[in-house]
Amino acid sequence: MHWEGDWVSPGVYRLVNDGTHTAHDVSATVTVDDEQIRRSSPRIDGGDGLTFDFPEARRKYASERRERHERRRQAGVFPPVSYFPAFHHIEERAYWKTALGTPQQHVDSTNLAGLGDFG
């Protein structure tokens, strides 16, 4: 079983059971920078997942988007100012059991993550 996480809208992160089997007694934690959200579910079928709402990440995303827009606006007719995106730490941890009760875990962490690309 494999888990895949990604932003689905500003401040909303989805961790999906990317496998074909059902995960039982799921407990998952996603951390974005200093903001940590924990969710649980008795079962998550393959293709389904848990949704995490991050208000601080939503605020940061909006601020970073305004900054990018302002840099482009200020560039005017001049070549665009180089923009280096802000990188964020995102960590996913999921613990579950198989149908036979075998404990499993998923841990993934990156320090070079963005907060989504929503135009």
PDB file of N, CA and C in Angstrom:
ATOM      1  N   MET A   1       0.843  -1.168   0.000  1.00  0.00           N
ATOM      2  CA  MET A   1       0.000   0.000   0.000  1.00  0.00           C
ATOM      3  C   MET A   1       0.890   1.234   0.000  1.00  0.00           C
ATOM      4  N   HIS A   2       0.495   2.238  -0.727  1.00  0.00           N
ATOM      5  CA  HIS A   2       1.271   3.464  -0.874  1.00  0.00           C
ATOM      6  C   HIS A   2       0.357   4.654  -0.588  1.00  0.00           C
ATOM      7  N   TRP A   3       0.904   5.689   0.017  1.00  0.00           N
ATOM      8  CA  TRP A   3       0.150   6.905   0.330  1.00  0.00           C
ATOM      9  C   TRP A   3       0.751   8.065  -0.454  1.00  0.00           C
ATOM     10  N   GLU A   4      -0.102   8.947  -0.921  1.00  0.00           N
ATOM     11  CA  GLU A   4       0.340  10.096  -1.714  1.00  0.00           C
ATOM     12  C   GLU A   4      -0.367  11.341  -1.189  1.00  0.00           C
ATOM     13  N   GLY A   5       0.424  12.373  -0.880  1.00  0.00           N
ATOM     14  CA  GLY A   5      -0.150  13.614  -0.374  1.00  0.00           C
ATOM     15  C   GLY A   5       0.097  14.764  -1.322  1.00  0.00           C
ATOM     16  N   ASP A   6      -0.874  15.701  -1.385  1.00  0.00           N
ATOM     17  CA  ASP A   6      -0.721  16.888  -2.219  1.00  0.00           C
ATOM     18  C   ASP A   6      -1.775  17.922  -1.829  1.00  0.00           C
ATOM     19  N   TRP A   7      -1.498  19.159  -2.219  1.00  0.00           N
ATOM     20  CA  TRP A   7      -2.449  20.248  -1.991  1.00  0.00           C
ATOM     21  C   TRP A   7      -3.592  20.122  -2.988  1.00  0.00           C
ATOM     22  N   VAL A   8      -4.829  20.296  -2.511  1.00  0.00           N
ATOM     23  CA  VAL A   8      -5.993  20.265  -3.402  1.00  0.00           C
ATOM     24  C   VAL A   8      -6.595  21.645  -3.571  1.00  0.00           C
ATOM     25  N   SER A   9      -6.301  22.544  -2.654  1.00  0.00           N
ATOM     26  CA  SER A   9      -6.678  23.955  -2.739  1.00  0.00           C
ATOM     27  C   SER A   9      -5.829  24.682  -1.696  1.00  0.00           C
ATOM     28  N   PRO A  10      -5.786  26.014  -1.731  1.00  0.00           N
ATOM     29  CA  PRO A  10      -4.940  26.716  -0.754  1.00  0.00           C
ATOM     30  C   PRO A  10      -5.279  26.313   0.685  1.00  0.00           C
ATOM     31  N   GLY A  11      -4.282  25.784   1.384  1.00  0.00           N
ATOM     32  CA  GLY A  11      -4.449  25.399   2.778  1.00  0.00           C
ATOM     33  C   GLY A  11      -5.103  24.056   3.008  1.00  0.00           C
ATOM     34  N   VAL A  12      -5.454  23.346   1.953  1.00  0.00           N
ATOM     35  CA  VAL A  12      -6.137  22.048   2.088  1.00  0.00           C
ATOM     36  C   VAL A  12      -5.258  20.965   1.472  1.00  0.00           C
ATOM     37  N   TYR A  13      -4.821  20.034   2.309  1.00  0.00           N
ATOM     38  CA  TYR A  13      -3.910  18.960   1.923  1.00  0.00           C
ATOM     39  C   TYR A  13      -4.662  17.644   1.991  1.00  0.00           C
ATOM     40  N   ARG A  14      -4.447  16.786   1.015  1.00  0.00           N
ATOM     41  CA  ARG A  14      -5.133  15.494   0.976  1.00  0.00           C
ATOM     42  C   ARG A  14      -4.092  14.380   0.947  1.00  0.00           C
ATOM     43  N   LEU A  15      -4.232  13.428   1.862  1.00  0.00           N
ATOM     44  CA  LEU A  15      -3.375  12.252   1.929  1.00  0.00           C
ATOM     45  C   LEU A  15      -4.222  11.060   1.489  1.00  0.00           C
ATOM     46  N   VAL A  16      -3.840  10.443   0.360  1.00  0.00           N
ATOM     47  CA  VAL A  16      -4.661   9.421  -0.293  1.00  0.00           C
ATOM     48  C   VAL A  16      -4.003   8.050  -0.207  1.00  0.00           C
ATOM     49  N   ASN A  17      -4.822   7.058   0.088  1.00  0.00           N
ATOM     50  CA  ASN A  17      -4.407   5.657   0.003  1.00  0.00           C
ATOM     51  C   ASN A  17      -4.338   5.340  -1.492  1.00  0.00           C
ATOM     52  N   ASP A  18      -3.127   5.347  -2.039  1.00  0.00           N
ATOM     53  CA  ASP A  18      -2.922   5.191  -3.468  1.00  0.00           C
ATOM     54  C   ASP A  18      -2.864   3.718  -3.875  1.00  0.00           C
ATOM     55  N   GLY A  19      -3.154   2.828  -2.958  1.00  0.00           N
ATOM     56  CA  GLY A  19      -3.133   1.397  -3.257  1.00  0.00           C
ATOM     57  C   GLY A  19      -4.520   0.885  -3.620  1.00  0.00           C
ATOM     58  N   THR A  20      -4.629  -0.404  -3.733  1.00  0.00           N
ATOM     59  CA  THR A  20      -5.914  -1.024  -4.077  1.00  0.00           C
ATOM     60  C   THR A  20      -6.583  -1.688  -2.881  1.00  0.00           C
ATOM     61  N   HIS A  21      -5.850  -1.800  -1.761  1.00  0.00           N
ATOM     62  CA  HIS A  21      -6.383  -2.459  -0.574  1.00  0.00           C
ATOM     63  C   HIS A  21      -6.888  -1.437   0.437  1.00  0.00           C
ATOM     64  N   THR A  22      -7.776  -1.885   1.295  1.00  0.00           N
ATOM     65  CA  THR A  22      -8.323  -1.033   2.348  1.00  0.00           C
ATOM     66  C   THR A  22      -7.357  -0.963   3.521  1.00  0.00           C
ATOM     67  N   ALA A  23      -7.157   0.258   4.024  1.00  0.00           N
ATOM     68  CA  ALA A  23      -6.366   0.471   5.238  1.00  0.00           C
ATOM     69  C   ALA A  23      -7.339   0.562   6.410  1.00  0.00           C
ATOM     70  N   HIS A  24      -7.046  -0.142   7.505  1.00  0.00           N
ATOM     71  CA  HIS A  24      -7.923  -0.185   8.674  1.00  0.00           C
ATOM     72  C   HIS A  24      -7.279   0.541   9.852  1.00  0.00           C
ATOM     73  N   ASP A  25      -8.114   1.119  10.716  1.00  0.00           N
ATOM     74  CA  ASP A  25      -7.636   1.819  11.917  1.00  0.00           C
ATOM     75  C   ASP A  25      -6.539   2.831  11.572  1.00  0.00           C
ATOM     76  N   VAL A  26      -6.854   3.719  10.652  1.00  0.00           N
ATOM     77  CA  VAL A  26      -5.871   4.672  10.139  1.00  0.00           C
ATOM     78  C   VAL A  26      -5.734   5.863  11.082  1.00  0.00           C
ATOM     79  N   SER A  27      -4.508   6.213  11.367  1.00  0.00           N
ATOM     80  CA  SER A  27      -4.180   7.421  12.116  1.00  0.00           C
ATOM     81  C   SER A  27      -3.092   8.132  11.312  1.00  0.00           C
ATOM     82  N   ALA A  28      -3.335   9.379  10.950  1.00  0.00           N
ATOM     83  CA  ALA A  28      -2.376  10.104  10.118  1.00  0.00           C
ATOM     84  C   ALA A  28      -2.151  11.503  10.665  1.00  0.00           C
ATOM     85  N   THR A  29      -0.922  11.964  10.524  1.00  0.00           N
ATOM     86  CA  THR A  29      -0.539  13.314  10.926  1.00  0.00           C
ATOM     87  C   THR A  29       0.210  13.944   9.766  1.00  0.00           C
ATOM     88  N   VAL A  30      -0.190  15.161   9.425  1.00  0.00           N
ATOM     89  CA  VAL A  30       0.538  15.938   8.430  1.00  0.00           C
ATOM     90  C   VAL A  30       0.992  17.214   9.120  1.00  0.00           C
ATOM     91  N   THR A  31       2.267  17.531   8.931  1.00  0.00           N
ATOM     92  CA  THR A  31       2.856  18.742   9.502  1.00  0.00           C
ATOM     93  C   THR A  31       3.335  19.623   8.356  1.00  0.00           C
ATOM     94  N   VAL A  32       2.924  20.878   8.383  1.00  0.00           N
ATOM     95  CA  VAL A  32       3.390  21.873   7.416  1.00  0.00           C
ATOM     96  C   VAL A  32       4.053  22.970   8.233  1.00  0.00           C
ATOM     97  N   ASP A  33       5.372  23.085   8.080  1.00  0.00           N
ATOM     98  CA  ASP A  33       6.167  24.005   8.889  1.00  0.00           C
ATOM     99  C   ASP A  33       5.892  23.714  10.368  1.00  0.00           C
ATOM    100  N   ASP A  34       5.280  24.647  11.103  1.00  0.00           N
ATOM    101  CA  ASP A  34       5.012  24.438  12.531  1.00  0.00           C
ATOM    102  C   ASP A  34       3.553  24.078  12.820  1.00  0.00           C
ATOM    103  N   GLU A  35       2.790  23.841  11.792  1.00  0.00           N
ATOM    104  CA  GLU A  35       1.358  23.558  11.938  1.00  0.00           C
ATOM    105  C   GLU A  35       1.137  22.052  11.754  1.00  0.00           C
ATOM    106  N   GLN A  36       0.559  21.405  12.758  1.00  0.00           N
ATOM    107  CA  GLN A  36       0.385  19.951  12.715  1.00  0.00           C
ATOM    108  C   GLN A  36      -1.090  19.602  12.907  1.00  0.00           C
ATOM    109  N   ILE A  37      -1.595  18.731  12.009  1.00  0.00           N
ATOM    110  CA  ILE A  37      -2.990  18.290  12.078  1.00  0.00           C
ATOM    111  C   ILE A  37      -3.001  16.766  12.088  1.00  0.00           C
ATOM    112  N   ARG A  38      -3.825  16.199  12.968  1.00  0.00           N
ATOM    113  CA  ARG A  38      -3.945  14.739  13.076  1.00  0.00           C
ATOM    114  C   ARG A  38      -5.390  14.365  12.731  1.00  0.00           C
ATOM    115  N   ARG A  39      -5.511  13.290  11.951  1.00  0.00           N
ATOM    116  CA  ARG A  39      -6.835  12.776  11.583  1.00  0.00           C
ATOM    117  C   ARG A  39      -6.817  11.256  11.714  1.00  0.00           C
ATOM    118  N   SER A  40      -7.985  10.680  11.875  1.00  0.00           N
ATOM    119  CA  SER A  40      -8.080   9.222  11.932  1.00  0.00           C
ATOM    120  C   SER A  40      -9.371   8.767  11.266  1.00  0.00           C
ATOM    121  N   SER A  41      -9.382   7.489  10.913  1.00  0.00           N
ATOM    122  CA  SER A  41     -10.559   6.903  10.276  1.00  0.00           C
ATOM    123  C   SER A  41     -10.531   5.393  10.520  1.00  0.00           C
ATOM    124  N   PRO A  42     -11.680   4.770  10.731  1.00  0.00           N
ATOM    125  CA  PRO A  42     -11.692   3.322  10.936  1.00  0.00           C
ATOM    126  C   PRO A  42     -11.251   2.545   9.691  1.00  0.00           C
ATOM    127  N   ARG A  43     -11.465   3.136   8.486  1.00  0.00           N
ATOM    128  CA  ARG A  43     -11.021   2.474   7.256  1.00  0.00           C
ATOM    129  C   ARG A  43     -10.945   3.495   6.135  1.00  0.00           C
ATOM    130  N   ILE A  44      -9.980   3.256   5.261  1.00  0.00           N
ATOM    131  CA  ILE A  44      -9.840   4.080   4.065  1.00  0.00           C
ATOM    132  C   ILE A  44      -9.590   3.128   2.901  1.00  0.00           C
ATOM    133  N   ASP A  45     -10.537   3.100   1.991  1.00  0.00           N
ATOM    134  CA  ASP A  45     -10.421   2.236   0.824  1.00  0.00           C
ATOM    135  C   ASP A  45      -9.376   2.796  -0.137  1.00  0.00           C
ATOM    136  N   GLY A  46      -8.865   1.940  -1.012  1.00  0.00           N
ATOM    137  CA  GLY A  46      -7.937   2.385  -2.039  1.00  0.00           C
ATOM    138  C   GLY A  46      -8.572   3.503  -2.863  1.00  0.00           C
ATOM    139  N   GLY A  47      -7.835   4.577  -3.062  1.00  0.00           N
ATOM    140  CA  GLY A  47      -8.332   5.734  -3.809  1.00  0.00           C
ATOM    141  C   GLY A  47      -8.954   6.802  -2.935  1.00  0.00           C
ATOM    142  N   ASP A  48      -9.296   6.471  -1.697  1.00  0.00           N
ATOM    143  CA  ASP A  48      -9.857   7.447  -0.765  1.00  0.00           C
ATOM    144  C   ASP A  48      -8.749   7.989   0.131  1.00  0.00           C
ATOM    145  N   GLY A  49      -9.067   9.003   0.909  1.00  0.00           N
ATOM    146  CA  GLY A  49      -8.045   9.575   1.773  1.00  0.00           C
ATOM    147  C   GLY A  49      -8.607  10.452   2.865  1.00  0.00           C
ATOM    148  N   LEU A  50      -7.711  11.143   3.507  1.00  0.00           N
ATOM    149  CA  LEU A  50      -8.040  12.077   4.579  1.00  0.00           C
ATOM    150  C   LEU A  50      -7.689  13.493   4.123  1.00  0.00           C
ATOM    151  N   THR A  51      -8.510  14.452   4.525  1.00  0.00           N
ATOM    152  CA  THR A  51      -8.283  15.847   4.166  1.00  0.00           C
ATOM    153  C   THR A  51      -7.883  16.622   5.410  1.00  0.00           C
ATOM    154  N   PHE A  52      -6.863  17.459   5.271  1.00  0.00           N
ATOM    155  CA  PHE A  52      -6.308  18.246   6.374  1.00  0.00           C
ATOM    156  C   PHE A  52      -6.413  19.723   6.020  1.00  0.00           C
ATOM    157  N   ASP A  53      -6.970  20.514   6.929  1.00  0.00           N
ATOM    158  CA  ASP A  53      -7.108  21.955   6.706  1.00  0.00           C
ATOM    159  C   ASP A  53      -6.037  22.697   7.499  1.00  0.00           C
ATOM    160  N   PHE A  54      -5.242  23.514   6.805  1.00  0.00           N
ATOM    161  CA  PHE A  54      -4.133  24.254   7.405  1.00  0.00           C
ATOM    162  C   PHE A  54      -4.355  25.758   7.244  1.00  0.00           C
ATOM    163  N   PRO A  55      -4.972  26.416   8.226  1.00  0.00           N
ATOM    164  CA  PRO A  55      -5.232  27.862   8.123  1.00  0.00           C
ATOM    165  C   PRO A  55      -3.964  28.698   7.961  1.00  0.00           C
ATOM    166  N   GLU A  56      -2.895  28.354   8.665  1.00  0.00           N
ATOM    167  CA  GLU A  56      -1.659  29.137   8.565  1.00  0.00           C
ATOM    168  C   GLU A  56      -1.018  28.953   7.193  1.00  0.00           C
ATOM    169  N   ALA A  57      -1.038  27.749   6.654  1.00  0.00           N
ATOM    170  CA  ALA A  57      -0.506  27.515   5.313  1.00  0.00           C
ATOM    171  C   ALA A  57      -1.328  28.279   4.277  1.00  0.00           C
ATOM    172  N   ARG A  58      -2.647  28.369   4.470  1.00  0.00           N
ATOM    173  CA  ARG A  58      -3.508  29.140   3.571  1.00  0.00           C
ATOM    174  C   ARG A  58      -3.115  30.610   3.595  1.00  0.00           C
ATOM    175  N   ARG A  59      -2.850  31.128   4.786  1.00  0.00           N
ATOM    176  CA  ARG A  59      -2.441  32.530   4.924  1.00  0.00           C
ATOM    177  C   ARG A  59      -1.089  32.754   4.246  1.00  0.00           C
ATOM    178  N   LYS A  60      -0.131  31.845   4.481  1.00  0.00           N
ATOM    179  CA  LYS A  60       1.191  31.967   3.865  1.00  0.00           C
ATOM    180  C   LYS A  60       1.095  31.897   2.343  1.00  0.00           C
ATOM    181  N   TYR A  61       0.259  30.985   1.831  1.00  0.00           N
ATOM    182  CA  TYR A  61       0.088  30.855   0.391  1.00  0.00           C
ATOM    183  C   TYR A  61      -0.419  32.169  -0.206  1.00  0.00           C
ATOM    184  N   ALA A  62      -1.428  32.765   0.428  1.00  0.00           N
ATOM    185  CA  ALA A  62      -1.981  34.029  -0.074  1.00  0.00           C
ATOM    186  C   ALA A  62      -0.923  35.130  -0.046  1.00  0.00           C
ATOM    187  N   SER A  63      -0.141  35.183   1.004  1.00  0.00           N
ATOM    188  CA  SER A  63       0.922  36.185   1.117  1.00  0.00           C
ATOM    189  C   SER A  63       1.981  35.981   0.039  1.00  0.00           C
ATOM    190  N   GLU A  64       2.412  34.749  -0.174  1.00  0.00           N
ATOM    191  CA  GLU A  64       3.415  34.457  -1.194  1.00  0.00           C
ATOM    192  C   GLU A  64       2.883  34.779  -2.591  1.00  0.00           C
ATOM    193  N   ARG A  65       1.609  34.500  -2.825  1.00  0.00           N
ATOM    194  CA  ARG A  65       1.003  34.802  -4.127  1.00  0.00           C
ATOM    195  C   ARG A  65       0.955  36.301  -4.368  1.00  0.00           C
ATOM    196  N   ARG A  66       0.582  37.081  -3.342  1.00  0.00           N
ATOM    197  CA  ARG A  66       0.569  38.546  -3.473  1.00  0.00           C
ATOM    198  C   ARG A  66       1.978  39.059  -3.776  1.00  0.00           C
ATOM    199  N   GLU A  67       2.967  38.501  -3.094  1.00  0.00           N
ATOM    200  CA  GLU A  67       4.354  38.927  -3.300  1.00  0.00           C
ATOM    201  C   GLU A  67       4.804  38.648  -4.730  1.00  0.00           C
ATOM    202  N   ARG A  68       4.486  37.458  -5.256  1.00  0.00           N
ATOM    203  CA  ARG A  68       4.842  37.134  -6.647  1.00  0.00           C
ATOM    204  C   ARG A  68       4.181  38.100  -7.612  1.00  0.00           C
ATOM    205  N   HIS A  69       2.894  38.371  -7.395  1.00  0.00           N
ATOM    206  CA  HIS A  69       2.149  39.285  -8.259  1.00  0.00           C
ATOM    207  C   HIS A  69       2.765  40.689  -8.211  1.00  0.00           C
ATOM    208  N   GLU A  70       3.120  41.150  -7.028  1.00  0.00           N
ATOM    209  CA  GLU A  70       3.713  42.483  -6.874  1.00  0.00           C
ATOM    210  C   GLU A  70       5.066  42.563  -7.574  1.00  0.00           C
ATOM    211  N   ARG A  71       5.868  41.520  -7.466  1.00  0.00           N
ATOM    212  CA  ARG A  71       7.177  41.503  -8.153  1.00  0.00           C
ATOM    213  C   ARG A  71       6.989  41.586  -9.667  1.00  0.00           C
ATOM    214  N   ARG A  72       6.014  40.853 -10.190  1.00  0.00           N
ATOM    215  CA  ARG A  72       5.745  40.902 -11.642  1.00  0.00           C
ATOM    216  C   ARG A  72       5.247  42.280 -12.046  1.00  0.00           C
ATOM    217  N   ARG A  73       4.388  42.866 -11.227  1.00  0.00           N
ATOM    218  CA  ARG A  73       3.842  44.186 -11.532  1.00  0.00           C
ATOM    219  C   ARG A  73       4.944  45.236 -11.535  1.00  0.00           C
ATOM    220  N   GLN A  74       5.840  45.165 -10.547  1.00  0.00           N
ATOM    221  CA  GLN A  74       6.924  46.133 -10.452  1.00  0.00           C
ATOM    222  C   GLN A  74       7.916  45.995 -11.594  1.00  0.00           C
ATOM    223  N   ALA A  75       8.041  44.796 -12.148  1.00  0.00           N
ATOM    224  CA  ALA A  75       8.985  44.586 -13.240  1.00  0.00           C
ATOM    225  C   ALA A  75       8.575  45.382 -14.476  1.00  0.00           C
ATOM    226  N   GLY A  76       7.270  45.587 -14.683  1.00  0.00           N
ATOM    227  CA  GLY A  76       6.775  46.367 -15.816  1.00  0.00           C
ATOM    228  C   GLY A  76       7.388  45.898 -17.119  1.00  0.00           C
ATOM    229  N   VAL A  77       8.027  46.840 -17.841  1.00  0.00           N
ATOM    230  CA  VAL A  77       8.621  46.522 -19.139  1.00  0.00           C
ATOM    231  C   VAL A  77      10.014  45.923 -18.984  1.00  0.00           C
ATOM    232  N   PHE A  78      10.548  45.978 -17.792  1.00  0.00           N
ATOM    233  CA  PHE A  78      11.877  45.413 -17.550  1.00  0.00           C
ATOM    234  C   PHE A  78      11.768  43.894 -17.420  1.00  0.00           C
ATOM    235  N   PRO A  79      12.873  43.220 -17.610  1.00  0.00           N
ATOM    236  CA  PRO A  79      12.820  41.751 -17.427  1.00  0.00           C
ATOM    237  C   PRO A  79      12.308  41.419 -16.026  1.00  0.00           C
ATOM    238  N   PRO A  80      11.548  40.352 -15.917  1.00  0.00           N
ATOM    239  CA  PRO A  80      11.002  39.990 -14.601  1.00  0.00           C
ATOM    240  C   PRO A  80      12.104  39.767 -13.572  1.00  0.00           C
ATOM    241  N   VAL A  81      11.793  40.183 -12.374  1.00  0.00           N
ATOM    242  CA  VAL A  81      12.701  39.957 -11.261  1.00  0.00           C
ATOM    243  C   VAL A  81      12.706  38.466 -10.952  1.00  0.00           C
ATOM    244  N   SER A  82      13.874  37.897 -10.772  1.00  0.00           N
ATOM    245  CA  SER A  82      13.931  36.478 -10.412  1.00  0.00           C
ATOM    246  C   SER A  82      13.164  36.267  -9.115  1.00  0.00           C
ATOM    247  N   TYR A  83      12.394  35.243  -9.108  1.00  0.00           N
ATOM    248  CA  TYR A  83      11.621  34.934  -7.907  1.00  0.00           C
ATOM    249  C   TYR A  83      11.966  33.525  -7.461  1.00  0.00           C
ATOM    250  N   PHE A  84      12.439  33.416  -6.251  1.00  0.00           N
ATOM    251  CA  PHE A  84      12.719  32.117  -5.663  1.00  0.00           C
ATOM    252  C   PHE A  84      11.575  31.808  -4.707  1.00  0.00           C
ATOM    253  N   PRO A  85      10.858  30.730  -4.960  1.00  0.00           N
ATOM    254  CA  PRO A  85       9.712  30.433  -4.098  1.00  0.00           C
ATOM    255  C   PRO A  85      10.145  30.127  -2.671  1.00  0.00           C
ATOM    256  N   ALA A  86       9.247  30.394  -1.760  1.00  0.00           N
ATOM    257  CA  ALA A  86       9.493  30.029  -0.370  1.00  0.00           C
ATOM    258  C   ALA A  86       9.336  28.517  -0.253  1.00  0.00           C
ATOM    259  N   PHE A  87      10.265  27.897   0.405  1.00  0.00           N
ATOM    260  CA  PHE A  87      10.174  26.456   0.602  1.00  0.00           C
ATOM    261  C   PHE A  87       9.660  26.174   2.000  1.00  0.00           C
ATOM    262  N   HIS A  88       8.882  25.113   2.096  1.00  0.00           N
ATOM    263  CA  HIS A  88       8.248  24.745   3.346  1.00  0.00           C
ATOM    264  C   HIS A  88       8.545  23.287   3.663  1.00  0.00           C
ATOM    265  N   HIS A  89       8.507  22.975   4.948  1.00  0.00           N
ATOM    266  CA  HIS A  89       8.700  21.606   5.412  1.00  0.00           C
ATOM    267  C   HIS A  89       7.331  20.933   5.510  1.00  0.00           C
ATOM    268  N   ILE A  90       7.188  19.807   4.827  1.00  0.00           N
ATOM    269  CA  ILE A  90       5.954  19.022   4.912  1.00  0.00           C
ATOM    270  C   ILE A  90       6.333  17.590   5.291  1.00  0.00           C
ATOM    271  N   GLU A  91       5.653  17.098   6.319  1.00  0.00           N
ATOM    272  CA  GLU A  91       5.885  15.725   6.755  1.00  0.00           C
ATOM    273  C   GLU A  91       4.552  14.999   6.847  1.00  0.00           C
ATOM    274  N   GLU A  92       4.509  13.793   6.286  1.00  0.00           N
ATOM    275  CA  GLU A  92       3.332  12.931   6.357  1.00  0.00           C
ATOM    276  C   GLU A  92       3.681  11.696   7.175  1.00  0.00           C
ATOM    277  N   ARG A  93       2.789  11.336   8.076  1.00  0.00           N
ATOM    278  CA  ARG A  93       2.936  10.091   8.833  1.00  0.00           C
ATOM    279  C   ARG A  93       1.566   9.418   8.866  1.00  0.00           C
ATOM    280  N   ALA A  94       1.523   8.176   8.423  1.00  0.00           N
ATOM    281  CA  ALA A  94       0.274   7.416   8.469  1.00  0.00           C
ATOM    282  C   ALA A  94       0.560   6.045   9.056  1.00  0.00           C
ATOM    283  N   TYR A  95      -0.307   5.624   9.931  1.00  0.00           N
ATOM    284  CA  TYR A  95      -0.216   4.304  10.559  1.00  0.00           C
ATOM    285  C   TYR A  95      -1.561   3.620  10.340  1.00  0.00           C
ATOM    286  N   TRP A  96      -1.541   2.350   9.962  1.00  0.00           N
ATOM    287  CA  TRP A  96      -2.762   1.609   9.706  1.00  0.00           C
ATOM    288  C   TRP A  96      -2.499   0.125   9.838  1.00  0.00           C
ATOM    289  N   LYS A  97      -3.563  -0.637   9.717  1.00  0.00           N
ATOM    290  CA  LYS A  97      -3.455  -2.090   9.742  1.00  0.00           C
ATOM    291  C   LYS A  97      -4.029  -2.649   8.442  1.00  0.00           C
ATOM    292  N   THR A  98      -3.464  -3.765   8.006  1.00  0.00           N
ATOM    293  CA  THR A  98      -4.008  -4.464   6.846  1.00  0.00           C
ATOM    294  C   THR A  98      -5.279  -5.198   7.271  1.00  0.00           C
ATOM    295  N   ALA A  99      -5.940  -5.819   6.315  1.00  0.00           N
ATOM    296  CA  ALA A  99      -7.151  -6.596   6.618  1.00  0.00           C
ATOM    297  C   ALA A  99      -6.859  -7.732   7.594  1.00  0.00           C
ATOM    298  N   LEU A 100      -5.612  -8.225   7.605  1.00  0.00           N
ATOM    299  CA  LEU A 100      -5.236  -9.299   8.524  1.00  0.00           C
ATOM    300  C   LEU A 100      -4.694  -8.774   9.856  1.00  0.00           C
ATOM    301  N   GLY A 101      -4.703  -7.447  10.025  1.00  0.00           N
ATOM    302  CA  GLY A 101      -4.276  -6.854  11.291  1.00  0.00           C
ATOM    303  C   GLY A 101      -2.791  -6.537  11.393  1.00  0.00           C
ATOM    304  N   THR A 102      -2.049  -6.624  10.305  1.00  0.00           N
ATOM    305  CA  THR A 102      -0.614  -6.336  10.326  1.00  0.00           C
ATOM    306  C   THR A 102      -0.389  -4.819  10.344  1.00  0.00           C
ATOM    307  N   PRO A 103       0.338  -4.305  11.339  1.00  0.00           N
ATOM    308  CA  PRO A 103       0.604  -2.866  11.396  1.00  0.00           C
ATOM    309  C   PRO A 103       1.503  -2.415  10.235  1.00  0.00           C
ATOM    310  N   GLN A 104       1.199  -1.241   9.685  1.00  0.00           N
ATOM    311  CA  GLN A 104       1.960  -0.660   8.584  1.00  0.00           C
ATOM    312  C   GLN A 104       2.191   0.820   8.885  1.00  0.00           C
ATOM    313  N   GLN A 105       3.163   1.399   8.191  1.00  0.00           N
ATOM    314  CA  GLN A 105       3.376   2.832   8.359  1.00  0.00           C
ATOM    315  C   GLN A 105       3.884   3.464   7.066  1.00  0.00           C
ATOM    316  N   HIS A 106       3.603   4.726   6.927  1.00  0.00           N
ATOM    317  CA  HIS A 106       4.097   5.552   5.820  1.00  0.00           C
ATOM    318  C   HIS A 106       4.669   6.810   6.456  1.00  0.00           C
ATOM    319  N   VAL A 107       5.916   7.147   6.124  1.00  0.00           N
ATOM    320  CA  VAL A 107       6.545   8.376   6.597  1.00  0.00           C
ATOM    321  C   VAL A 107       7.232   9.013   5.404  1.00  0.00           C
ATOM    322  N   ASP A 108       6.902  10.268   5.150  1.00  0.00           N
ATOM    323  CA  ASP A 108       7.526  11.003   4.051  1.00  0.00           C
ATOM    324  C   ASP A 108       7.734  12.434   4.513  1.00  0.00           C
ATOM    325  N   SER A 109       8.868  12.992   4.147  1.00  0.00           N
ATOM    326  CA  SER A 109       9.208  14.331   4.601  1.00  0.00           C
ATOM    327  C   SER A 109      10.005  15.045   3.524  1.00  0.00           C
ATOM    328  N   THR A 110       9.723  16.338   3.331  1.00  0.00           N
ATOM    329  CA  THR A 110      10.491  17.140   2.397  1.00  0.00           C
ATOM    330  C   THR A 110      10.640  18.562   2.934  1.00  0.00           C
ATOM    331  N   ASN A 111      11.784  19.159   2.681  1.00  0.00           N
ATOM    332  CA  ASN A 111      12.023  20.550   3.077  1.00  0.00           C
ATOM    333  C   ASN A 111      11.962  21.490   1.892  1.00  0.00           C
ATOM    334  N   LEU A 112      11.655  20.972   0.715  1.00  0.00           N
ATOM    335  CA  LEU A 112      11.631  21.790  -0.497  1.00  0.00           C
ATOM    336  C   LEU A 112      10.239  21.827  -1.112  1.00  0.00           C
ATOM    337  N   ALA A 113       9.237  21.890  -0.270  1.00  0.00           N
ATOM    338  CA  ALA A 113       7.853  21.833  -0.744  1.00  0.00           C
ATOM    339  C   ALA A 113       7.263  23.240  -0.877  1.00  0.00           C
ATOM    340  N   GLY A 114       6.365  23.363  -1.822  1.00  0.00           N
ATOM    341  CA  GLY A 114       5.567  24.579  -1.953  1.00  0.00           C
ATOM    342  C   GLY A 114       4.224  24.360  -1.283  1.00  0.00           C
ATOM    343  N   LEU A 115       3.396  25.383  -1.334  1.00  0.00           N
ATOM    344  CA  LEU A 115       2.067  25.301  -0.720  1.00  0.00           C
ATOM    345  C   LEU A 115       0.976  25.147  -1.774  1.00  0.00           C
ATOM    346  N   GLY A 116       1.352  24.682  -2.957  1.00  0.00           N
ATOM    347  CA  GLY A 116       0.394  24.462  -4.034  1.00  0.00           C
ATOM    348  C   GLY A 116       0.585  25.472  -5.147  1.00  0.00           C
ATOM    349  N   ASP A 117       0.025  25.173  -6.294  1.00  0.00           N
ATOM    350  CA  ASP A 117       0.092  26.061  -7.446  1.00  0.00           C
ATOM    351  C   ASP A 117      -1.318  26.194  -8.002  1.00  0.00           C
ATOM    352  N   PHE A 118      -2.013  27.220  -7.559  1.00  0.00           N
ATOM    353  CA  PHE A 118      -3.425  27.376  -7.909  1.00  0.00           C
ATOM    354  C   PHE A 118      -3.684  28.633  -8.717  1.00  0.00           C
ATOM    355  N   GLY A 119      -2.670  29.071  -9.468  1.00  0.00           N
ATOM    356  CA  GLY A 119      -2.833  30.218 -10.371  1.00  0.00           C
ATOM    357  C   GLY A 119      -2.851  31.467  -9.655  1.00  0.00           C
TER     358      GLY A 119
END
